[in-house]
Amino acid sequence: MSENPDLLAINWNDLKYFLALWRYKRLSLAASKIGCTHVTIANRVEQLEKAIGTKLFIQNSKGFYLTAAGENLIPYAEKCERTLRLANENYRNVQEIRSKIRIGVTEGFSNYFLSSRLPAWVKGKDIDVELISLAGSTFISSGEVDISITIGPQKGANIIQKKLTDYTLGLFSTKDYLQEHDPIEKKSDLINHHFIGYIEGQVFSDLLKYQDEVSPNLNFIYQSTTIHTQRKAVNTGLGIGILPRFVAYGDQNLRPVLPDFLLHRELWISTSKDLHKFKDLKLAWDFILNACADERYRFIE
């Protein structure tokens, strides 16, 4: 770093590109997330490095990683970002502008709980909602979402998080399948049956690798990347699936298999540590927490 860098002389907008490259590691991904070209990201980071007088990133085959100088700049860049967000919130309130809340959520929880409740809640409010439903995780620290719901807690500075709910997973199949195949009275009987599950190499979290907790010798004849397609396959009578209770709940075609055998997981909700300063964000946060508390029976056996 130059001996006397003048940080007030930098283009503050360049900090946005600096943070994006840090968060997403690759030029193309960072560019797609903030809506520009990879050339723009590269040029703006280069200009920032020239203004400061030092390299902020090193590049290897896995992407861009911070130098020591880059690490030192991160908390200041994030503080600038948070300050601008708070200023924008104040301006929005004064001008009575609709707010936008981006909620990142796992595909199963979205499809089988939140997506049917969130539209009814937001109706009539001056709030626009973007529900980002993925077979993966979104993180508050990435700046991509305002509220994130994940399997288990997440890491990151400047966030607050809370356990949203415990939930159980069990074995399910259809009445027809169970009548047409050998009886299941104990876990060892499972190895004689067809199973439906996930594709091992496509699971985004180790917390979702629960198949071996049932048995390492299950006979999987159908595997897919989403819990929705697994549930639909189970519903055809093809075999037995491992499903969260909130996914199977209310489906009259599904029958529990070995109902006393349950797996346990947790859903966590996270947001910015400035939650209390964003009125509509706090409303959405409270709604999701209260909805899960009010319908806890959907999650826990």
C-alpha atoms as a PDB file:
ATOM      1  CA  MET A   1       0.000   0.000   0.000  1.00  0.00           C
ATOM      2  CA  SER A   2       1.230   3.495  -0.728  1.00  0.00           C
ATOM      3  CA  GLU A   3       2.555   5.339   2.309  1.00  0.00           C
ATOM      4  CA  ASN A   4      -0.240   7.899   2.407  1.00  0.00           C
ATOM      5  CA  PRO A   5      -3.285   6.638   0.497  1.00  0.00           C
ATOM      6  CA  ASP A   6      -6.108   9.149   0.350  1.00  0.00           C
ATOM      7  CA  LEU A   7      -9.190   6.993   0.764  1.00  0.00           C
ATOM      8  CA  LEU A   8     -11.433  10.052   0.467  1.00  0.00           C
ATOM      9  CA  ALA A   9     -10.162  10.436  -3.094  1.00  0.00           C
ATOM     10  CA  ILE A  10     -11.395   7.036  -4.229  1.00  0.00           C
ATOM     11  CA  ASN A  11     -14.567   6.536  -6.236  1.00  0.00           C
ATOM     12  CA  TRP A  12     -16.906   5.263  -3.543  1.00  0.00           C
ATOM     13  CA  ASN A  13     -18.977   3.427  -6.133  1.00  0.00           C
ATOM     14  CA  ASP A  14     -15.962   1.178  -6.732  1.00  0.00           C
ATOM     15  CA  LEU A  15     -16.520  -0.300  -3.265  1.00  0.00           C
ATOM     16  CA  LYS A  16     -19.683  -1.937  -4.595  1.00  0.00           C
ATOM     17  CA  TYR A  17     -17.679  -3.856  -7.191  1.00  0.00           C
ATOM     18  CA  PHE A  18     -14.977  -4.657  -4.646  1.00  0.00           C
ATOM     19  CA  LEU A  19     -17.548  -6.212  -2.293  1.00  0.00           C
ATOM     20  CA  ALA A  20     -19.205  -8.156  -5.120  1.00  0.00           C
ATOM     21  CA  LEU A  21     -15.940  -9.734  -6.251  1.00  0.00           C
ATOM     22  CA  TRP A  22     -15.073 -10.626  -2.645  1.00  0.00           C
ATOM     23  CA  ARG A  23     -18.466 -12.240  -2.097  1.00  0.00           C
ATOM     24  CA  TYR A  24     -18.739 -14.211  -5.332  1.00  0.00           C
ATOM     25  CA  LYS A  25     -15.046 -14.883  -6.093  1.00  0.00           C
ATOM     26  CA  ARG A  26     -15.496 -14.862  -9.879  1.00  0.00           C
ATOM     27  CA  LEU A  27     -15.890 -11.919 -12.252  1.00  0.00           C
ATOM     28  CA  SER A  28     -18.746 -13.439 -14.246  1.00  0.00           C
ATOM     29  CA  LEU A  29     -20.758 -14.421 -11.169  1.00  0.00           C
ATOM     30  CA  ALA A  30     -20.197 -11.080  -9.438  1.00  0.00           C
ATOM     31  CA  ALA A  31     -21.230  -9.264 -12.615  1.00  0.00           C
ATOM     32  CA  SER A  32     -24.440 -11.290 -12.955  1.00  0.00           C
ATOM     33  CA  LYS A  33     -25.374 -10.618  -9.341  1.00  0.00           C
ATOM     34  CA  ILE A  34     -25.125  -6.840  -9.561  1.00  0.00           C
ATOM     35  CA  GLY A  35     -26.166  -6.412 -13.190  1.00  0.00           C
ATOM     36  CA  CYS A  36     -23.084  -5.357 -15.117  1.00  0.00           C
ATOM     37  CA  THR A  37     -20.348  -6.927 -17.253  1.00  0.00           C
ATOM     38  CA  HIS A  38     -17.311  -8.774 -15.948  1.00  0.00           C
ATOM     39  CA  VAL A  39     -15.166  -6.136 -17.664  1.00  0.00           C
ATOM     40  CA  THR A  40     -16.821  -3.461 -15.530  1.00  0.00           C
ATOM     41  CA  ILE A  41     -16.046  -5.399 -12.348  1.00  0.00           C
ATOM     42  CA  ALA A  42     -12.419  -5.883 -13.359  1.00  0.00           C
ATOM     43  CA  ASN A  43     -11.949  -2.246 -14.383  1.00  0.00           C
ATOM     44  CA  ARG A  44     -13.555  -0.772 -11.273  1.00  0.00           C
ATOM     45  CA  VAL A  45     -11.546  -3.000  -8.921  1.00  0.00           C
ATOM     46  CA  GLU A  46      -8.387  -2.066 -10.829  1.00  0.00           C
ATOM     47  CA  GLN A  47      -9.191   1.638 -10.421  1.00  0.00           C
ATOM     48  CA  LEU A  48      -9.762   1.119  -6.707  1.00  0.00           C
ATOM     49  CA  GLU A  49      -6.417  -0.643  -6.381  1.00  0.00           C
ATOM     50  CA  LYS A  50      -4.697   2.221  -8.204  1.00  0.00           C
ATOM     51  CA  ALA A  51      -6.339   4.796  -5.949  1.00  0.00           C
ATOM     52  CA  ILE A  52      -5.275   2.935  -2.797  1.00  0.00           C
ATOM     53  CA  GLY A  53      -1.899   1.970  -4.199  1.00  0.00           C
ATOM     54  CA  THR A  54      -1.976  -1.766  -3.540  1.00  0.00           C
ATOM     55  CA  LYS A  55      -3.404  -5.058  -4.767  1.00  0.00           C
ATOM     56  CA  LEU A  56      -6.677  -6.063  -3.112  1.00  0.00           C
ATOM     57  CA  PHE A  57      -7.051  -9.507  -4.714  1.00  0.00           C
ATOM     58  CA  ILE A  58      -4.986 -12.436  -5.807  1.00  0.00           C
ATOM     59  CA  GLN A  59      -6.349 -14.846  -8.408  1.00  0.00           C
ATOM     60  CA  ASN A  60      -6.004 -18.598  -8.625  1.00  0.00           C
ATOM     61  CA  SER A  61      -7.883 -21.424 -10.333  1.00  0.00           C
ATOM     62  CA  LYS A  62     -10.712 -21.148  -7.794  1.00  0.00           C
ATOM     63  CA  GLY A  63     -11.271 -17.432  -8.226  1.00  0.00           C
ATOM     64  CA  PHE A  64     -10.324 -14.116  -6.609  1.00  0.00           C
ATOM     65  CA  TYR A  65      -9.225 -13.967  -2.970  1.00  0.00           C
ATOM     66  CA  LEU A  66      -8.368 -11.013  -0.771  1.00  0.00           C
ATOM     67  CA  THR A  67      -4.854  -9.893   0.010  1.00  0.00           C
ATOM     68  CA  ALA A  68      -4.081  -8.603   3.512  1.00  0.00           C
ATOM     69  CA  ALA A  69      -4.872  -5.080   2.290  1.00  0.00           C
ATOM     70  CA  GLY A  70      -8.182  -6.318   0.910  1.00  0.00           C
ATOM     71  CA  GLU A  71      -9.043  -7.954   4.226  1.00  0.00           C
ATOM     72  CA  ASN A  72      -8.352  -4.674   5.992  1.00  0.00           C
ATOM     73  CA  LEU A  73     -10.669  -2.777   3.651  1.00  0.00           C
ATOM     74  CA  ILE A  74     -13.667  -5.122   3.991  1.00  0.00           C
ATOM     75  CA  PRO A  75     -15.127  -3.788   7.291  1.00  0.00           C
ATOM     76  CA  TYR A  76     -14.939  -0.199   6.054  1.00  0.00           C
ATOM     77  CA  ALA A  77     -16.537  -1.075   2.725  1.00  0.00           C
ATOM     78  CA  GLU A  78     -19.321  -2.973   4.466  1.00  0.00           C
ATOM     79  CA  LYS A  79     -19.897  -0.082   6.829  1.00  0.00           C
ATOM     80  CA  CYS A  80     -20.261   2.274   3.851  1.00  0.00           C
ATOM     81  CA  GLU A  81     -22.752  -0.144   2.319  1.00  0.00           C
ATOM     82  CA  ARG A  82     -24.790  -0.386   5.538  1.00  0.00           C
ATOM     83  CA  THR A  83     -24.778   3.391   5.960  1.00  0.00           C
ATOM     84  CA  LEU A  84     -26.118   3.878   2.444  1.00  0.00           C
ATOM     85  CA  ARG A  85     -28.814   1.279   3.035  1.00  0.00           C
ATOM     86  CA  LEU A  86     -29.910   3.087   6.201  1.00  0.00           C
ATOM     87  CA  ALA A  87     -29.914   6.418   4.359  1.00  0.00           C
ATOM     88  CA  ASN A  88     -32.018   4.842   1.616  1.00  0.00           C
ATOM     89  CA  GLU A  89     -34.478   3.504   4.204  1.00  0.00           C
ATOM     90  CA  ASN A  90     -34.846   6.955   5.735  1.00  0.00           C
ATOM     91  CA  TYR A  91     -35.366   8.512   2.296  1.00  0.00           C
ATOM     92  CA  ARG A  92     -37.917   5.831   1.400  1.00  0.00           C
ATOM     93  CA  ASN A  93     -39.921   6.520   4.564  1.00  0.00           C
ATOM     94  CA  VAL A  94     -39.930  10.283   4.038  1.00  0.00           C
ATOM     95  CA  GLN A  95     -40.952   9.955   0.379  1.00  0.00           C
ATOM     96  CA  GLU A  96     -43.433   7.129   1.135  1.00  0.00           C
ATOM     97  CA  ILE A  97     -41.801   4.847  -1.425  1.00  0.00           C
ATOM     98  CA  ARG A  98     -42.674   1.146  -1.455  1.00  0.00           C
ATOM     99  CA  SER A  99     -40.005  -1.047   0.052  1.00  0.00           C
ATOM    100  CA  LYS A 100     -38.617  -4.217  -1.519  1.00  0.00           C
ATOM    101  CA  ILE A 101     -37.716  -7.241   0.584  1.00  0.00           C
ATOM    102  CA  ARG A 102     -35.700 -10.120  -0.889  1.00  0.00           C
ATOM    103  CA  ILE A 103     -36.209 -13.414   0.923  1.00  0.00           C
ATOM    104  CA  GLY A 104     -33.868 -16.310   0.156  1.00  0.00           C
ATOM    105  CA  VAL A 105     -35.253 -19.670   1.197  1.00  0.00           C
ATOM    106  CA  THR A 106     -34.631 -23.360   0.619  1.00  0.00           C
ATOM    107  CA  GLU A 107     -36.824 -24.918  -2.039  1.00  0.00           C
ATOM    108  CA  GLY A 108     -38.683 -27.321   0.268  1.00  0.00           C
ATOM    109  CA  PHE A 109     -39.656 -24.750   2.901  1.00  0.00           C
ATOM    110  CA  SER A 110     -40.705 -22.328   0.179  1.00  0.00           C
ATOM    111  CA  ASN A 111     -42.859 -24.781  -1.788  1.00  0.00           C
ATOM    112  CA  TYR A 112     -44.522 -26.451   1.172  1.00  0.00           C
ATOM    113  CA  PHE A 113     -44.965 -23.597   3.616  1.00  0.00           C
ATOM    114  CA  LEU A 114     -43.892 -20.039   2.889  1.00  0.00           C
ATOM    115  CA  SER A 115     -45.066 -19.625  -0.717  1.00  0.00           C
ATOM    116  CA  SER A 116     -48.713 -20.211   0.242  1.00  0.00           C
ATOM    117  CA  ARG A 117     -48.626 -17.822   3.213  1.00  0.00           C
ATOM    118  CA  LEU A 118     -46.418 -14.938   2.152  1.00  0.00           C
ATOM    119  CA  PRO A 119     -48.680 -13.601  -0.665  1.00  0.00           C
ATOM    120  CA  ALA A 120     -51.677 -13.402   1.674  1.00  0.00           C
ATOM    121  CA  TRP A 121     -49.593 -11.525   4.259  1.00  0.00           C
ATOM    122  CA  VAL A 122     -48.159  -8.969   1.836  1.00  0.00           C
ATOM    123  CA  LYS A 123     -51.542  -8.203   0.224  1.00  0.00           C
ATOM    124  CA  GLY A 124     -52.504  -4.587   0.875  1.00  0.00           C
ATOM    125  CA  LYS A 125     -49.071  -3.588   2.209  1.00  0.00           C
ATOM    126  CA  ASP A 126     -46.693  -1.121   0.559  1.00  0.00           C
ATOM    127  CA  ILE A 127     -44.100  -3.866   0.259  1.00  0.00           C
ATOM    128  CA  ASP A 128     -42.739  -5.664  -2.786  1.00  0.00           C
ATOM    129  CA  VAL A 129     -41.411  -9.171  -2.112  1.00  0.00           C
ATOM    130  CA  GLU A 130     -38.883 -11.181  -4.077  1.00  0.00           C
ATOM    131  CA  LEU A 131     -39.004 -14.821  -2.963  1.00  0.00           C
ATOM    132  CA  ILE A 132     -35.774 -16.487  -4.056  1.00  0.00           C
ATOM    133  CA  SER A 133     -36.453 -20.207  -3.795  1.00  0.00           C
ATOM    134  CA  LEU A 134     -33.422 -22.392  -4.478  1.00  0.00           C
ATOM    135  CA  ALA A 135     -32.183 -25.936  -3.991  1.00  0.00           C
ATOM    136  CA  GLY A 136     -29.337 -24.290  -2.109  1.00  0.00           C
ATOM    137  CA  SER A 137     -28.566 -21.593   0.429  1.00  0.00           C
ATOM    138  CA  THR A 138     -28.554 -17.827   0.223  1.00  0.00           C
ATOM    139  CA  PHE A 139     -26.484 -15.858   2.701  1.00  0.00           C
ATOM    140  CA  ILE A 140     -27.006 -12.457   4.285  1.00  0.00           C
ATOM    141  CA  SER A 141     -23.279 -11.769   4.078  1.00  0.00           C
ATOM    142  CA  SER A 142     -23.490 -11.982   0.256  1.00  0.00           C
ATOM    143  CA  GLY A 143     -25.758  -8.942   0.095  1.00  0.00           C
ATOM    144  CA  GLU A 144     -28.055 -10.866  -2.258  1.00  0.00           C
ATOM    145  CA  VAL A 145     -31.034 -11.133   0.106  1.00  0.00           C
ATOM    146  CA  ASP A 146     -32.511  -9.258   3.083  1.00  0.00           C
ATOM    147  CA  ILE A 147     -33.792 -12.356   4.901  1.00  0.00           C
ATOM    148  CA  SER A 148     -32.280 -15.815   4.557  1.00  0.00           C
ATOM    149  CA  ILE A 149     -33.732 -19.136   5.727  1.00  0.00           C
ATOM    150  CA  THR A 150     -31.245 -21.990   5.866  1.00  0.00           C
ATOM    151  CA  ILE A 151     -30.795 -25.509   7.182  1.00  0.00           C
ATOM    152  CA  GLY A 152     -28.867 -24.711  10.349  1.00  0.00           C
ATOM    153  CA  PRO A 153     -27.193 -21.405  11.302  1.00  0.00           C
ATOM    154  CA  GLN A 154     -24.911 -19.514   8.936  1.00  0.00           C
ATOM    155  CA  LYS A 155     -21.632 -17.708   9.426  1.00  0.00           C
ATOM    156  CA  GLY A 156     -20.924 -14.055   8.786  1.00  0.00           C
ATOM    157  CA  ALA A 157     -20.323 -10.712  10.390  1.00  0.00           C
ATOM    158  CA  ASN A 158     -22.965  -8.019  10.909  1.00  0.00           C
ATOM    159  CA  ILE A 159     -25.898 -10.436  10.936  1.00  0.00           C
ATOM    160  CA  ILE A 160     -28.455 -11.547  13.477  1.00  0.00           C
ATOM    161  CA  GLN A 161     -30.016 -14.979  13.339  1.00  0.00           C
ATOM    162  CA  LYS A 162     -32.455 -17.120  15.239  1.00  0.00           C
ATOM    163  CA  LYS A 163     -33.678 -20.690  15.099  1.00  0.00           C
ATOM    164  CA  LEU A 164     -36.891 -20.559  13.117  1.00  0.00           C
ATOM    165  CA  THR A 165     -38.113 -24.049  13.958  1.00  0.00           C
ATOM    166  CA  ASP A 166     -37.051 -27.600  14.607  1.00  0.00           C
ATOM    167  CA  TYR A 167     -38.379 -30.124  12.138  1.00  0.00           C
ATOM    168  CA  THR A 168     -38.397 -33.875  11.733  1.00  0.00           C
ATOM    169  CA  LEU A 169     -37.934 -36.118   8.734  1.00  0.00           C
ATOM    170  CA  GLY A 170     -39.488 -39.545   8.435  1.00  0.00           C
ATOM    171  CA  LEU A 171     -39.967 -42.439   6.039  1.00  0.00           C
ATOM    172  CA  PHE A 172     -43.036 -42.278   3.791  1.00  0.00           C
ATOM    173  CA  SER A 173     -44.608 -44.326   1.058  1.00  0.00           C
ATOM    174  CA  THR A 174     -48.081 -45.012  -0.348  1.00  0.00           C
ATOM    175  CA  LYS A 175     -50.702 -47.477   0.847  1.00  0.00           C
ATOM    176  CA  ASP A 176     -50.473 -49.376  -2.438  1.00  0.00           C
ATOM    177  CA  TYR A 177     -46.691 -49.765  -2.252  1.00  0.00           C
ATOM    178  CA  LEU A 178     -46.825 -51.023   1.329  1.00  0.00           C
ATOM    179  CA  GLN A 179     -49.560 -53.527   0.510  1.00  0.00           C
ATOM    180  CA  GLU A 180     -47.712 -54.867  -2.517  1.00  0.00           C
ATOM    181  CA  HIS A 181     -44.307 -55.367  -0.879  1.00  0.00           C
ATOM    182  CA  ASP A 182     -42.796 -57.161   2.090  1.00  0.00           C
ATOM    183  CA  PRO A 183     -43.853 -55.877   5.519  1.00  0.00           C
ATOM    184  CA  ILE A 184     -41.590 -53.421   7.336  1.00  0.00           C
ATOM    185  CA  GLU A 185     -41.411 -53.971  11.064  1.00  0.00           C
ATOM    186  CA  LYS A 186     -37.827 -52.912  11.823  1.00  0.00           C
ATOM    187  CA  LYS A 187     -35.005 -50.933  10.206  1.00  0.00           C
ATOM    188  CA  SER A 188     -33.267 -54.019   8.874  1.00  0.00           C
ATOM    189  CA  ASP A 189     -36.347 -54.733   6.719  1.00  0.00           C
ATOM    190  CA  LEU A 190     -35.678 -51.560   4.712  1.00  0.00           C
ATOM    191  CA  ILE A 191     -32.858 -53.078   2.671  1.00  0.00           C
ATOM    192  CA  ASN A 192     -35.446 -55.219   0.843  1.00  0.00           C
ATOM    193  CA  HIS A 193     -37.303 -52.147  -0.461  1.00  0.00           C
ATOM    194  CA  HIS A 194     -36.983 -49.547  -3.195  1.00  0.00           C
ATOM    195  CA  PHE A 195     -35.940 -46.063  -2.101  1.00  0.00           C
ATOM    196  CA  ILE A 196     -36.262 -42.565  -3.523  1.00  0.00           C
ATOM    197  CA  GLY A 197     -33.728 -39.929  -2.507  1.00  0.00           C
ATOM    198  CA  TYR A 198     -31.280 -37.207  -3.386  1.00  0.00           C
ATOM    199  CA  ILE A 199     -28.199 -37.320  -5.615  1.00  0.00           C
ATOM    200  CA  GLU A 200     -25.216 -37.425  -3.274  1.00  0.00           C
ATOM    201  CA  GLY A 201     -22.973 -35.108  -5.297  1.00  0.00           C
ATOM    202  CA  GLN A 202     -25.687 -32.478  -5.710  1.00  0.00           C
ATOM    203  CA  VAL A 203     -26.517 -31.877  -2.039  1.00  0.00           C
ATOM    204  CA  PHE A 204     -25.587 -28.321  -1.033  1.00  0.00           C
ATOM    205  CA  SER A 205     -25.258 -28.912   2.715  1.00  0.00           C
ATOM    206  CA  ASP A 206     -23.858 -31.756   4.801  1.00  0.00           C
ATOM    207  CA  LEU A 207     -26.887 -31.293   7.068  1.00  0.00           C
ATOM    208  CA  LEU A 208     -29.008 -32.697   4.241  1.00  0.00           C
ATOM    209  CA  LYS A 209     -26.948 -35.853   3.898  1.00  0.00           C
ATOM    210  CA  TYR A 210     -29.257 -37.987   5.984  1.00  0.00           C
ATOM    211  CA  GLN A 211     -29.624 -41.147   3.893  1.00  0.00           C
ATOM    212  CA  ASP A 212     -26.839 -42.996   5.727  1.00  0.00           C
ATOM    213  CA  GLU A 213     -28.556 -42.143   9.015  1.00  0.00           C
ATOM    214  CA  VAL A 214     -31.329 -44.466   7.894  1.00  0.00           C
ATOM    215  CA  SER A 215     -29.003 -47.163   6.532  1.00  0.00           C
ATOM    216  CA  PRO A 216     -25.835 -47.256   4.411  1.00  0.00           C
ATOM    217  CA  ASN A 217     -27.327 -50.109   2.371  1.00  0.00           C
ATOM    218  CA  LEU A 218     -30.543 -48.627   0.981  1.00  0.00           C
ATOM    219  CA  ASN A 219     -31.541 -49.592  -2.559  1.00  0.00           C
ATOM    220  CA  PHE A 220     -32.088 -46.290  -4.389  1.00  0.00           C
ATOM    221  CA  ILE A 221     -33.882 -46.741  -7.695  1.00  0.00           C
ATOM    222  CA  TYR A 222     -34.834 -43.060  -8.205  1.00  0.00           C
ATOM    223  CA  GLN A 223     -32.887 -39.962  -7.180  1.00  0.00           C
ATOM    224  CA  SER A 224     -33.366 -36.275  -7.898  1.00  0.00           C
ATOM    225  CA  THR A 225     -32.061 -32.867  -6.848  1.00  0.00           C
ATOM    226  CA  THR A 226     -35.192 -31.420  -5.213  1.00  0.00           C
ATOM    227  CA  ILE A 227     -37.441 -32.527  -2.388  1.00  0.00           C
ATOM    228  CA  HIS A 228     -40.466 -31.666  -4.545  1.00  0.00           C
ATOM    229  CA  THR A 229     -39.581 -34.208  -7.222  1.00  0.00           C
ATOM    230  CA  GLN A 230     -38.730 -36.796  -4.569  1.00  0.00           C
ATOM    231  CA  ARG A 231     -42.148 -36.344  -2.971  1.00  0.00           C
ATOM    232  CA  LYS A 232     -43.894 -36.702  -6.331  1.00  0.00           C
ATOM    233  CA  ALA A 233     -41.959 -39.905  -7.025  1.00  0.00           C
ATOM    234  CA  VAL A 234     -42.973 -41.316  -3.631  1.00  0.00           C
ATOM    235  CA  ASN A 235     -46.584 -40.444  -4.447  1.00  0.00           C
ATOM    236  CA  THR A 236     -46.535 -42.669  -7.532  1.00  0.00           C
ATOM    237  CA  GLY A 237     -45.978 -45.728  -5.337  1.00  0.00           C
ATOM    238  CA  LEU A 238     -42.475 -46.282  -6.671  1.00  0.00           C
ATOM    239  CA  GLY A 239     -40.874 -46.736  -3.277  1.00  0.00           C
ATOM    240  CA  ILE A 240     -40.037 -45.200   0.098  1.00  0.00           C
ATOM    241  CA  GLY A 241     -38.765 -41.651   0.546  1.00  0.00           C
ATOM    242  CA  ILE A 242     -37.203 -39.667   3.380  1.00  0.00           C
ATOM    243  CA  LEU A 243     -39.311 -36.523   3.641  1.00  0.00           C
ATOM    244  CA  PRO A 244     -39.564 -33.590   6.063  1.00  0.00           C
ATOM    245  CA  ARG A 245     -42.804 -33.651   8.000  1.00  0.00           C
ATOM    246  CA  PHE A 246     -43.812 -30.246   6.590  1.00  0.00           C
ATOM    247  CA  VAL A 247     -43.439 -31.665   3.045  1.00  0.00           C
ATOM    248  CA  ALA A 248     -45.547 -34.763   3.699  1.00  0.00           C
ATOM    249  CA  TYR A 249     -48.071 -33.035   5.981  1.00  0.00           C
ATOM    250  CA  GLY A 250     -51.683 -33.204   4.787  1.00  0.00           C
ATOM    251  CA  ASP A 251     -50.987 -35.560   1.870  1.00  0.00           C
ATOM    252  CA  GLN A 252     -53.637 -38.251   2.272  1.00  0.00           C
ATOM    253  CA  ASN A 253     -51.854 -40.521  -0.202  1.00  0.00           C
ATOM    254  CA  LEU A 254     -48.717 -40.841   1.945  1.00  0.00           C
ATOM    255  CA  ARG A 255     -48.279 -43.284   4.809  1.00  0.00           C
ATOM    256  CA  PRO A 256     -45.552 -43.201   7.460  1.00  0.00           C
ATOM    257  CA  VAL A 257     -43.124 -46.112   7.496  1.00  0.00           C
ATOM    258  CA  LEU A 258     -41.603 -47.001  10.890  1.00  0.00           C
ATOM    259  CA  PRO A 259     -43.272 -43.883  12.381  1.00  0.00           C
ATOM    260  CA  ASP A 260     -41.120 -43.970  15.517  1.00  0.00           C
ATOM    261  CA  PHE A 261     -37.965 -43.535  13.443  1.00  0.00           C
ATOM    262  CA  LEU A 262     -37.358 -39.782  12.996  1.00  0.00           C
ATOM    263  CA  LEU A 263     -34.449 -37.572  11.982  1.00  0.00           C
ATOM    264  CA  HIS A 264     -34.093 -34.070  13.426  1.00  0.00           C
ATOM    265  CA  ARG A 265     -32.979 -30.847  11.738  1.00  0.00           C
ATOM    266  CA  GLU A 266     -33.353 -27.082  12.255  1.00  0.00           C
ATOM    267  CA  LEU A 267     -34.379 -24.145  10.077  1.00  0.00           C
ATOM    268  CA  TRP A 268     -32.686 -20.820  10.873  1.00  0.00           C
ATOM    269  CA  ILE A 269     -33.614 -17.292   9.851  1.00  0.00           C
ATOM    270  CA  SER A 270     -30.998 -14.562   9.374  1.00  0.00           C
ATOM    271  CA  THR A 271     -30.908 -10.899   8.450  1.00  0.00           C
ATOM    272  CA  SER A 272     -28.851  -7.728   8.860  1.00  0.00           C
ATOM    273  CA  LYS A 273     -27.925  -6.598  12.350  1.00  0.00           C
ATOM    274  CA  ASP A 274     -29.726  -3.340  11.450  1.00  0.00           C
ATOM    275  CA  LEU A 275     -33.091  -5.159  11.387  1.00  0.00           C
ATOM    276  CA  HIS A 276     -34.663  -2.831  13.947  1.00  0.00           C
ATOM    277  CA  LYS A 277     -33.982   0.173  11.683  1.00  0.00           C
ATOM    278  CA  PHE A 278     -35.947  -1.233   8.736  1.00  0.00           C
ATOM    279  CA  LYS A 279     -39.666  -1.158   9.564  1.00  0.00           C
ATOM    280  CA  ASP A 280     -40.952  -3.365   6.739  1.00  0.00           C
ATOM    281  CA  LEU A 281     -38.074  -5.819   7.045  1.00  0.00           C
ATOM    282  CA  LYS A 282     -38.940  -6.234  10.728  1.00  0.00           C
ATOM    283  CA  LEU A 283     -42.577  -6.867   9.782  1.00  0.00           C
ATOM    284  CA  ALA A 284     -41.577  -9.636   7.362  1.00  0.00           C
ATOM    285  CA  TRP A 285     -39.153 -11.139   9.896  1.00  0.00           C
ATOM    286  CA  ASP A 286     -41.861 -11.240  12.585  1.00  0.00           C
ATOM    287  CA  PHE A 287     -44.424 -12.688  10.197  1.00  0.00           C
ATOM    288  CA  ILE A 288     -42.209 -15.633   9.230  1.00  0.00           C
ATOM    289  CA  LEU A 289     -41.274 -16.362  12.849  1.00  0.00           C
ATOM    290  CA  ASN A 290     -44.883 -16.165  14.022  1.00  0.00           C
ATOM    291  CA  ALA A 291     -46.197 -18.285  11.146  1.00  0.00           C
ATOM    292  CA  CYS A 292     -43.812 -21.109  12.031  1.00  0.00           C
ATOM    293  CA  ALA A 293     -44.605 -20.832  15.740  1.00  0.00           C
ATOM    294  CA  ASP A 294     -48.364 -20.874  15.094  1.00  0.00           C
ATOM    295  CA  GLU A 295     -48.132 -23.968  12.892  1.00  0.00           C
ATOM    296  CA  ARG A 296     -45.366 -25.823  14.677  1.00  0.00           C
ATOM    297  CA  TYR A 297     -47.371 -29.045  14.363  1.00  0.00           C
ATOM    298  CA  ARG A 298     -46.495 -29.090  10.649  1.00  0.00           C
ATOM    299  CA  PHE A 299     -42.797 -29.388  11.448  1.00  0.00           C
ATOM    300  CA  ILE A 300     -42.512 -31.583  14.545  1.00  0.00           C
ATOM    301  CA  GLU A 301     -43.941 -35.063  14.922  1.00  0.00           C
END
